[in-house]
PDB file of N, CA and C in Angstrom:
ATOM      1  N   MET A   1      52.835-136.780 -84.520  1.00  0.00           N
ATOM      2  CA  MET A   1      53.440-135.621 -85.367  1.00  0.00           C
ATOM      3  C   MET A   1      53.868-136.177 -86.571  1.00  0.00           C
ATOM      4  N   LYS A   2      53.565-135.309 -87.482  1.00  0.00           N
ATOM      5  CA  LYS A   2      53.841-135.777 -88.806  1.00  0.00           C
ATOM      6  C   LYS A   2      55.383-135.156 -89.391  1.00  0.00           C
ATOM      7  N   LYS A   3      55.931-136.091 -90.146  1.00  0.00           N
ATOM      8  CA  LYS A   3      57.215-135.400 -90.817  1.00  0.00           C
ATOM      9  C   LYS A   3      56.846-134.570 -92.059  1.00  0.00           C
ATOM     10  N   LYS A   4      57.476-133.573 -92.179  1.00  0.00           N
ATOM     11  CA  LYS A   4      57.012-132.435 -93.134  1.00  0.00           C
ATOM     12  C   LYS A   4      58.308-132.641 -94.171  1.00  0.00           C
ATOM     13  N   GLY A   5      57.905-132.587 -95.364  1.00  0.00           N
ATOM     14  CA  GLY A   5      58.657-132.492 -96.582  1.00  0.00           C
ATOM     15  C   GLY A   5      59.596-133.847 -96.911  1.00  0.00           C
ATOM     16  N   HIS A   6      59.177-134.903 -96.264  1.00  0.00           N
ATOM     17  CA  HIS A   6      59.692-136.266 -96.550  1.00  0.00           C
ATOM     18  C   HIS A   6      59.111-136.847 -97.580  1.00  0.00           C
ATOM     19  N   ARG A   7      59.742-137.038 -98.845  1.00  0.00           N
ATOM     20  CA  ARG A   7      59.115-137.898 -99.829  1.00  0.00           C
ATOM     21  C   ARG A   7      60.115-138.929-100.158  1.00  0.00           C
ATOM     22  N   PRO A   8      59.402-140.075-100.451  1.00  0.00           N
ATOM     23  CA  PRO A   8      60.368-141.428-100.501  1.00  0.00           C
ATOM     24  C   PRO A   8      61.133-141.349-101.856  1.00  0.00           C
ATOM     25  N   VAL A   9      62.244-141.727-101.802  1.00  0.00           N
ATOM     26  CA  VAL A   9      62.889-141.799-103.295  1.00  0.00           C
ATOM     27  C   VAL A   9      62.500-142.814-104.064  1.00  0.00           C
ATOM     28  N   THR A  10      62.118-142.624-105.285  1.00  0.00           N
ATOM     29  CA  THR A  10      61.625-143.800-106.315  1.00  0.00           C
ATOM     30  C   THR A  10      62.880-144.400-106.903  1.00  0.00           C
ATOM     31  N   ARG A  11      63.175-145.512-106.922  1.00  0.00           N
ATOM     32  CA  ARG A  11      64.232-146.149-107.505  1.00  0.00           C
ATOM     33  C   ARG A  11      63.758-146.979-108.658  1.00  0.00           C
ATOM     34  N   VAL A  12      64.561-146.628-109.726  1.00  0.00           N
ATOM     35  CA  VAL A  12      64.075-147.330-111.145  1.00  0.00           C
ATOM     36  C   VAL A  12      65.008-148.463-111.248  1.00  0.00           C
ATOM     37  N   LYS A  13      64.737-149.572-112.130  1.00  0.00           N
ATOM     38  CA  LYS A  13      65.553-150.575-112.210  1.00  0.00           C
ATOM     39  C   LYS A  13      66.865-150.521-112.870  1.00  0.00           C
ATOM     40  N   ASN A  14      66.844-149.443-114.045  1.00  0.00           N
ATOM     41  CA  ASN A  14      67.882-149.084-114.537  1.00  0.00           C
ATOM     42  C   ASN A  14      68.238-147.377-114.653  1.00  0.00           C
ATOM     43  N   PRO A  15      68.661-146.755-113.714  1.00  0.00           N
ATOM     44  CA  PRO A  15      68.657-145.458-113.636  1.00  0.00           C
ATOM     45  C   PRO A  15      69.731-144.888-114.815  1.00  0.00           C
ATOM     46  N   GLU A  16      69.464-143.520-115.126  1.00  0.00           N
ATOM     47  CA  GLU A  16      70.193-142.827-116.177  1.00  0.00           C
ATOM     48  C   GLU A  16      71.308-142.535-115.447  1.00  0.00           C
ATOM     49  N   PRO A  17      72.639-142.980-116.179  1.00  0.00           N
ATOM     50  CA  PRO A  17      74.018-142.845-115.649  1.00  0.00           C
ATOM     51  C   PRO A  17      73.964-141.231-116.423  1.00  0.00           C
ATOM     52  N   HIS A  18      75.431-140.886-115.430  1.00  0.00           N
ATOM     53  CA  HIS A  18      75.752-139.392-116.075  1.00  0.00           C
ATOM     54  C   HIS A  18      76.023-139.295-117.667  1.00  0.00           C
ATOM     55  N   ALA A  19      75.693-138.343-118.264  1.00  0.00           N
ATOM     56  CA  ALA A  19      75.675-138.013-119.540  1.00  0.00           C
ATOM     57  C   ALA A  19      77.345-138.253-119.960  1.00  0.00           C
ATOM     58  N   GLU A  20      78.207-137.849-119.231  1.00  0.00           N
ATOM     59  CA  GLU A  20      79.606-137.798-119.381  1.00  0.00           C
ATOM     60  C   GLU A  20      80.241-139.414-119.383  1.00  0.00           C
ATOM     61  N   SER A  21      79.418-140.167-118.754  1.00  0.00           N
ATOM     62  CA  SER A  21      80.175-141.745-118.802  1.00  0.00           C
ATOM     63  C   SER A  21      79.744-142.481-120.145  1.00  0.00           C
ATOM     64  N   PRO A  22      80.536-143.294-120.356  1.00  0.00           N
ATOM     65  CA  PRO A  22      80.349-143.970-121.553  1.00  0.00           C
ATOM     66  C   PRO A  22      79.101-145.050-121.501  1.00  0.00           C
ATOM     67  N   ASP A  23      78.777-145.291-120.252  1.00  0.00           N
ATOM     68  CA  ASP A  23      77.541-146.137-120.107  1.00  0.00           C
ATOM     69  C   ASP A  23      76.256-145.534-120.585  1.00  0.00           C
ATOM     70  N   TRP A  24      76.455-144.033-120.338  1.00  0.00           N
ATOM     71  CA  TRP A  24      75.178-143.353-121.145  1.00  0.00           C
ATOM     72  C   TRP A  24      74.733-143.648-122.486  1.00  0.00           C
ATOM     73  N   VAL A  25      75.754-143.868-123.539  1.00  0.00           N
ATOM     74  CA  VAL A  25      75.298-144.445-124.660  1.00  0.00           C
ATOM     75  C   VAL A  25      74.642-145.623-124.746  1.00  0.00           C
ATOM     76  N   ILE A  26      75.175-146.646-123.860  1.00  0.00           N
ATOM     77  CA  ILE A  26      74.490-147.810-124.061  1.00  0.00           C
ATOM     78  C   ILE A  26      73.152-147.832-123.505  1.00  0.00           C
ATOM     79  N   TRP A  27      73.012-146.932-122.285  1.00  0.00           N
ATOM     80  CA  TRP A  27      71.648-147.054-121.653  1.00  0.00           C
ATOM     81  C   TRP A  27      70.736-146.179-122.602  1.00  0.00           C
ATOM     82  N   ALA A  28      71.024-145.241-123.346  1.00  0.00           N
ATOM     83  CA  ALA A  28      70.301-144.446-124.168  1.00  0.00           C
ATOM     84  C   ALA A  28      69.749-145.389-125.179  1.00  0.00           C
ATOM     85  N   ALA A  29      71.102-146.153-125.796  1.00  0.00           N
ATOM     86  CA  ALA A  29      70.724-147.246-127.077  1.00  0.00           C
ATOM     87  C   ALA A  29      69.548-148.090-126.761  1.00  0.00           C
ATOM     88  N   TRP A  30      69.651-148.494-125.434  1.00  0.00           N
ATOM     89  CA  TRP A  30      68.626-149.593-124.968  1.00  0.00           C
ATOM     90  C   TRP A  30      67.033-148.896-124.880  1.00  0.00           C
ATOM     91  N   ALA A  31      67.290-147.547-124.614  1.00  0.00           N
ATOM     92  CA  ALA A  31      65.969-146.926-124.075  1.00  0.00           C
ATOM     93  C   ALA A  31      65.230-146.669-125.400  1.00  0.00           C
ATOM     94  N   ASP A  32      63.929-147.147-125.397  1.00  0.00           N
ATOM     95  CA  ASP A  32      63.015-146.882-126.374  1.00  0.00           C
ATOM     96  C   ASP A  32      62.798-145.375-127.017  1.00  0.00           C
ATOM     97  N   ARG A  33      62.670-144.638-125.688  1.00  0.00           N
ATOM     98  CA  ARG A  33      62.166-143.249-126.270  1.00  0.00           C
ATOM     99  C   ARG A  33      63.420-142.210-126.628  1.00  0.00           C
ATOM    100  N   ILE A  34      64.543-142.886-126.592  1.00  0.00           N
ATOM    101  CA  ILE A  34      65.725-142.024-126.918  1.00  0.00           C
ATOM    102  C   ILE A  34      66.059-142.078-128.468  1.00  0.00           C
ATOM    103  N   THR A  35      66.140-141.419-129.173  1.00  0.00           N
ATOM    104  CA  THR A  35      66.134-141.398-130.541  1.00  0.00           C
ATOM    105  C   THR A  35      67.638-141.568-131.016  1.00  0.00           C
ATOM    106  N   PHE A  36      68.318-142.117-131.842  1.00  0.00           N
ATOM    107  CA  PHE A  36      69.532-141.984-132.415  1.00  0.00           C
ATOM    108  C   PHE A  36      70.023-140.229-132.676  1.00  0.00           C
ATOM    109  N   GLU A  37      69.075-139.395-133.216  1.00  0.00           N
ATOM    110  CA  GLU A  37      69.189-138.137-133.274  1.00  0.00           C
ATOM    111  C   GLU A  37      69.416-137.554-131.817  1.00  0.00           C
ATOM    112  N   GLU A  38      69.002-137.672-130.747  1.00  0.00           N
ATOM    113  CA  GLU A  38      69.157-137.267-129.679  1.00  0.00           C
ATOM    114  C   GLU A  38      70.491-137.662-129.097  1.00  0.00           C
ATOM    115  N   ILE A  39      70.617-138.807-129.293  1.00  0.00           N
ATOM    116  CA  ILE A  39      72.247-139.354-128.640  1.00  0.00           C
ATOM    117  C   ILE A  39      73.396-138.889-129.587  1.00  0.00           C
ATOM    118  N   GLU A  40      72.960-138.582-131.017  1.00  0.00           N
ATOM    119  CA  GLU A  40      73.942-137.656-131.449  1.00  0.00           C
ATOM    120  C   GLU A  40      74.132-136.321-131.091  1.00  0.00           C
ATOM    121  N   LYS A  41      73.078-135.744-130.750  1.00  0.00           N
ATOM    122  CA  LYS A  41      72.938-134.274-130.106  1.00  0.00           C
ATOM    123  C   LYS A  41      73.896-133.945-129.117  1.00  0.00           C
ATOM    124  N   LYS A  42      73.605-135.145-128.241  1.00  0.00           N
ATOM    125  CA  LYS A  42      73.926-135.042-126.848  1.00  0.00           C
ATOM    126  C   LYS A  42      75.618-135.661-126.554  1.00  0.00           C
ATOM    127  N   THR A  43      75.910-136.737-127.510  1.00  0.00           N
ATOM    128  CA  THR A  43      77.226-137.265-127.504  1.00  0.00           C
ATOM    129  C   THR A  43      77.952-136.820-128.779  1.00  0.00           C
ATOM    130  N   GLY A  44      77.424-136.564-129.732  1.00  0.00           N
ATOM    131  CA  GLY A  44      78.316-136.449-130.954  1.00  0.00           C
ATOM    132  C   GLY A  44      78.354-137.797-131.650  1.00  0.00           C
ATOM    133  N   TYR A  45      77.970-138.942-131.314  1.00  0.00           N
ATOM    134  CA  TYR A  45      78.193-140.167-131.759  1.00  0.00           C
ATOM    135  C   TYR A  45      76.795-140.459-132.727  1.00  0.00           C
ATOM    136  N   LYS A  46      77.124-140.604-134.091  1.00  0.00           N
ATOM    137  CA  LYS A  46      76.280-140.855-135.024  1.00  0.00           C
ATOM    138  C   LYS A  46      75.458-142.395-135.008  1.00  0.00           C
ATOM    139  N   GLU A  47      74.571-142.878-135.735  1.00  0.00           N
ATOM    140  CA  GLU A  47      73.822-144.134-135.509  1.00  0.00           C
ATOM    141  C   GLU A  47      75.035-145.140-135.825  1.00  0.00           C
ATOM    142  N   SER A  48      75.820-145.098-136.563  1.00  0.00           N
ATOM    143  CA  SER A  48      76.976-146.139-136.833  1.00  0.00           C
ATOM    144  C   SER A  48      77.795-146.118-135.705  1.00  0.00           C
ATOM    145  N   ASP A  49      78.137-145.065-135.285  1.00  0.00           N
ATOM    146  CA  ASP A  49      79.025-145.251-134.130  1.00  0.00           C
ATOM    147  C   ASP A  49      78.516-145.833-132.802  1.00  0.00           C
ATOM    148  N   VAL A  50      77.059-145.460-132.600  1.00  0.00           N
ATOM    149  CA  VAL A  50      76.624-146.327-131.463  1.00  0.00           C
ATOM    150  C   VAL A  50      76.334-147.842-131.731  1.00  0.00           C
ATOM    151  N   ILE A  51      76.324-148.269-133.104  1.00  0.00           N
ATOM    152  CA  ILE A  51      76.272-149.684-133.177  1.00  0.00           C
ATOM    153  C   ILE A  51      77.556-150.210-133.012  1.00  0.00           C
ATOM    154  N   LYS A  52      78.675-149.237-133.301  1.00  0.00           N
ATOM    155  CA  LYS A  52      80.129-149.937-133.212  1.00  0.00           C
ATOM    156  C   LYS A  52      80.290-150.185-131.519  1.00  0.00           C
ATOM    157  N   ILE A  53      79.836-149.255-130.702  1.00  0.00           N
ATOM    158  CA  ILE A  53      79.937-149.244-129.354  1.00  0.00           C
ATOM    159  C   ILE A  53      78.952-150.369-128.949  1.00  0.00           C
ATOM    160  N   MET A  54      78.066-150.666-129.347  1.00  0.00           N
ATOM    161  CA  MET A  54      77.126-151.427-128.685  1.00  0.00           C
ATOM    162  C   MET A  54      77.767-153.022-129.275  1.00  0.00           C
ATOM    163  N   ARG A  55      78.148-153.014-130.548  1.00  0.00           N
ATOM    164  CA  ARG A  55      78.546-154.322-130.475  1.00  0.00           C
ATOM    165  C   ARG A  55      79.959-154.721-130.108  1.00  0.00           C
ATOM    166  N   ARG A  56      80.860-153.718-129.541  1.00  0.00           N
ATOM    167  CA  ARG A  56      81.926-153.959-128.665  1.00  0.00           C
ATOM    168  C   ARG A  56      81.600-154.293-127.225  1.00  0.00           C
ATOM    169  N   SER A  57      80.516-153.495-126.759  1.00  0.00           N
ATOM    170  CA  SER A  57      80.017-153.445-125.378  1.00  0.00           C
ATOM    171  C   SER A  57      79.356-154.777-124.953  1.00  0.00           C
ATOM    172  N   LEU A  58      78.504-155.371-125.646  1.00  0.00           N
ATOM    173  CA  LEU A  58      77.644-156.244-125.461  1.00  0.00           C
ATOM    174  C   LEU A  58      77.983-157.687-125.704  1.00  0.00           C
ATOM    175  N   LYS A  59      77.660-158.643-125.274  1.00  0.00           N
ATOM    176  CA  LYS A  59      77.499-160.092-125.949  1.00  0.00           C
ATOM    177  C   LYS A  59      76.925-160.290-127.284  1.00  0.00           C
ATOM    178  N   PRO A  60      77.660-161.142-127.878  1.00  0.00           N
ATOM    179  CA  PRO A  60      76.816-161.585-129.139  1.00  0.00           C
ATOM    180  C   PRO A  60      75.378-161.675-129.089  1.00  0.00           C
ATOM    181  N   SER A  61      74.928-162.257-128.410  1.00  0.00           N
ATOM    182  CA  SER A  61      73.585-162.709-128.295  1.00  0.00           C
ATOM    183  C   SER A  61      72.892-161.314-127.894  1.00  0.00           C
ATOM    184  N   SER A  62      73.287-160.637-126.974  1.00  0.00           N
ATOM    185  CA  SER A  62      72.554-159.148-126.420  1.00  0.00           C
ATOM    186  C   SER A  62      72.564-158.321-127.712  1.00  0.00           C
ATOM    187  N   PHE A  63      73.895-158.290-128.546  1.00  0.00           N
ATOM    188  CA  PHE A  63      73.795-157.339-129.501  1.00  0.00           C
ATOM    189  C   PHE A  63      72.799-157.782-130.624  1.00  0.00           C
ATOM    190  N   ARG A  64      72.758-158.943-130.966  1.00  0.00           N
ATOM    191  CA  ARG A  64      71.534-159.188-131.890  1.00  0.00           C
ATOM    192  C   ARG A  64      70.347-159.073-131.521  1.00  0.00           C
ATOM    193  N   LEU A  65      70.112-159.318-130.370  1.00  0.00           N
ATOM    194  CA  LEU A  65      68.574-158.870-129.547  1.00  0.00           C
ATOM    195  C   LEU A  65      68.314-157.403-129.628  1.00  0.00           C
ATOM    196  N   TRP A  66      69.368-156.614-129.212  1.00  0.00           N
ATOM    197  CA  TRP A  66      69.193-155.204-129.693  1.00  0.00           C
ATOM    198  C   TRP A  66      69.043-154.851-130.985  1.00  0.00           C
ATOM    199  N   ARG A  67      69.618-155.170-132.055  1.00  0.00           N
ATOM    200  CA  ARG A  67      69.619-154.872-133.222  1.00  0.00           C
ATOM    201  C   ARG A  67      68.139-155.355-133.644  1.00  0.00           C
ATOM    202  N   LYS A  68      67.881-156.456-133.344  1.00  0.00           N
ATOM    203  CA  LYS A  68      66.347-156.882-133.795  1.00  0.00           C
ATOM    204  C   LYS A  68      65.226-155.927-133.189  1.00  0.00           C
ATOM    205  N   ARG A  69      65.381-155.544-132.047  1.00  0.00           N
ATOM    206  CA  ARG A  69      64.741-154.656-131.160  1.00  0.00           C
ATOM    207  C   ARG A  69      64.661-153.151-132.001  1.00  0.00           C
ATOM    208  N   VAL A  70      65.992-152.945-132.129  1.00  0.00           N
ATOM    209  CA  VAL A  70      65.871-151.153-132.919  1.00  0.00           C
ATOM    210  C   VAL A  70      65.263-151.365-134.351  1.00  0.00           C
ATOM    211  N   ASN A  71      65.502-152.431-134.944  1.00  0.00           N
ATOM    212  CA  ASN A  71      64.933-152.657-136.365  1.00  0.00           C
ATOM    213  C   ASN A  71      63.554-152.591-136.591  1.00  0.00           C
ATOM    214  N   GLN A  72      62.759-153.556-135.554  1.00  0.00           N
ATOM    215  CA  GLN A  72      61.412-153.483-135.331  1.00  0.00           C
ATOM    216  C   GLN A  72      60.837-152.228-134.539  1.00  0.00           C
ATOM    217  N   LYS A  73      61.394-151.640-133.882  1.00  0.00           N
ATOM    218  CA  LYS A  73      60.895-150.439-133.285  1.00  0.00           C
ATOM    219  C   LYS A  73      60.849-149.149-134.183  1.00  0.00           C
ATOM    220  N   SER A  74      59.888-148.393-134.252  1.00  0.00           N
ATOM    221  CA  SER A  74      59.866-147.479-135.384  1.00  0.00           C
ATOM    222  C   SER A  74      60.209-146.245-134.503  1.00  0.00           C
ATOM    223  N   ILE A  75      60.761-146.020-133.303  1.00  0.00           N
ATOM    224  CA  ILE A  75      60.672-144.968-132.493  1.00  0.00           C
ATOM    225  C   ILE A  75      62.414-144.434-132.164  1.00  0.00           C
ATOM    226  N   LYS A  76      63.281-145.258-132.910  1.00  0.00           N
ATOM    227  CA  LYS A  76      64.341-145.104-132.472  1.00  0.00           C
ATOM    228  C   LYS A  76      64.958-143.955-133.704  1.00  0.00           C
ATOM    229  N   HIS A  77      64.285-143.814-134.527  1.00  0.00           N
ATOM    230  CA  HIS A  77      64.555-142.746-135.681  1.00  0.00           C
ATOM    231  C   HIS A  77      63.742-141.856-135.284  1.00  0.00           C
ATOM    232  N   ARG A  78      63.780-140.416-135.416  1.00  0.00           N
ATOM    233  CA  ARG A  78      62.923-139.422-135.068  1.00  0.00           C
ATOM    234  C   ARG A  78      61.872-139.288-136.175  1.00  0.00           C
ATOM    235  N   LYS A  79      62.059-139.495-137.394  1.00  0.00           N
ATOM    236  CA  LYS A  79      61.138-139.508-138.305  1.00  0.00           C
ATOM    237  C   LYS A  79      60.101-140.515-138.364  1.00  0.00           C
ATOM    238  N   LYS A  80      60.582-141.794-138.340  1.00  0.00           N
ATOM    239  CA  LYS A  80      59.649-142.986-137.949  1.00  0.00           C
ATOM    240  C   LYS A  80      58.829-142.452-136.621  1.00  0.00           C
ATOM    241  N   PHE A  81      59.334-142.010-135.690  1.00  0.00           N
ATOM    242  CA  PHE A  81      58.771-141.865-134.395  1.00  0.00           C
ATOM    243  C   PHE A  81      57.762-140.917-134.907  1.00  0.00           C
ATOM    244  N   GLU A  82      58.119-139.678-135.372  1.00  0.00           N
ATOM    245  CA  GLU A  82      57.062-138.626-135.380  1.00  0.00           C
ATOM    246  C   GLU A  82      55.747-139.272-136.259  1.00  0.00           C
ATOM    247  N   TYR A  83      56.042-139.906-137.129  1.00  0.00           N
ATOM    248  CA  TYR A  83      55.123-140.439-138.192  1.00  0.00           C
ATOM    249  C   TYR A  83      54.117-141.582-137.338  1.00  0.00           C
ATOM    250  N   SER A  84      54.646-142.269-136.446  1.00  0.00           N
ATOM    251  CA  SER A  84      53.932-143.129-135.722  1.00  0.00           C
ATOM    252  C   SER A  84      53.064-142.162-134.524  1.00  0.00           C
ATOM    253  N   ARG A  85      53.631-141.418-134.202  1.00  0.00           N
ATOM    254  CA  ARG A  85      52.814-140.656-133.101  1.00  0.00           C
ATOM    255  C   ARG A  85      51.605-140.088-134.006  1.00  0.00           C
ATOM    256  N   LYS A  86      51.982-139.576-135.200  1.00  0.00           N
ATOM    257  CA  LYS A  86      50.683-138.751-135.870  1.00  0.00           C
ATOM    258  C   LYS A  86      49.629-140.011-136.217  1.00  0.00           C
ATOM    259  N   GLN A  87      49.923-140.975-136.515  1.00  0.00           N
ATOM    260  CA  GLN A  87      49.041-142.213-136.668  1.00  0.00           C
ATOM    261  C   GLN A  87      48.218-142.290-135.348  1.00  0.00           C
ATOM    262  N   ILE A  88      48.817-142.425-134.332  1.00  0.00           N
ATOM    263  CA  ILE A  88      48.239-142.805-132.992  1.00  0.00           C
ATOM    264  C   ILE A  88      47.267-141.838-132.698  1.00  0.00           C
ATOM    265  N   THR A  89      47.933-140.256-132.656  1.00  0.00           N
ATOM    266  CA  THR A  89      46.806-139.332-132.134  1.00  0.00           C
ATOM    267  C   THR A  89      45.585-138.973-133.343  1.00  0.00           C
ATOM    268  N   SER A  90      45.909-139.633-134.660  1.00  0.00           N
ATOM    269  CA  SER A  90      44.820-139.323-135.540  1.00  0.00           C
ATOM    270  C   SER A  90      43.877-140.404-135.174  1.00  0.00           C
ATOM    271  N   LYS A  91      44.102-141.729-134.792  1.00  0.00           N
ATOM    272  CA  LYS A  91      43.529-142.776-134.272  1.00  0.00           C
ATOM    273  C   LYS A  91      42.619-142.213-133.047  1.00  0.00           C
ATOM    274  N   ILE A  92      43.224-141.751-132.159  1.00  0.00           N
ATOM    275  CA  ILE A  92      42.590-141.482-130.946  1.00  0.00           C
ATOM    276  C   ILE A  92      41.480-140.029-131.268  1.00  0.00           C
ATOM    277  N   LYS A  93      42.022-139.461-132.264  1.00  0.00           N
ATOM    278  CA  LYS A  93      41.006-138.207-132.563  1.00  0.00           C
ATOM    279  C   LYS A  93      39.735-138.653-133.290  1.00  0.00           C
ATOM    280  N   LYS A  94      39.658-139.753-133.876  1.00  0.00           N
ATOM    281  CA  LYS A  94      38.640-140.363-134.771  1.00  0.00           C
ATOM    282  C   LYS A  94      37.787-141.097-133.769  1.00  0.00           C
ATOM    283  N   GLY A  95      38.363-141.452-132.509  1.00  0.00           N
ATOM    284  CA  GLY A  95      37.299-142.382-131.463  1.00  0.00           C
ATOM    285  C   GLY A  95      37.868-143.361-131.506  1.00  0.00           C
ATOM    286  N   ASP A  96      38.818-144.087-132.495  1.00  0.00           N
ATOM    287  CA  ASP A  96      39.088-145.481-132.524  1.00  0.00           C
ATOM    288  C   ASP A  96      40.482-145.328-131.304  1.00  0.00           C
ATOM    289  N   TYR A  97      40.186-146.350-130.585  1.00  0.00           N
ATOM    290  CA  TYR A  97      41.236-146.704-129.321  1.00  0.00           C
ATOM    291  C   TYR A  97      42.062-148.225-129.570  1.00  0.00           C
ATOM    292  N   LEU A  98      43.221-147.785-129.205  1.00  0.00           N
ATOM    293  CA  LEU A  98      43.987-148.759-129.294  1.00  0.00           C
ATOM    294  C   LEU A  98      43.945-150.047-128.578  1.00  0.00           C
TER     295      LEU A  98
END
């Protein structure tokens, strides 16, 4: 006899905290696909505020690692992210694969 309607719960390494908690800002800042504009829309914190929160909350070495990561990734800012997506889609349309 089979069980009906049972789906396994997928567990992720870093689940998303509730948006009301202060941990959400730190989680979103580490997430690659969440831009600073989205963080500002959801919490009201500007990029400089997020940097201050990260500086206060993280160890110095972790903060340096995060800043290096954010500066190298073009996806934490919406304009840069949209530009990089246009480049990727134009390469795919031309037949050039990544």
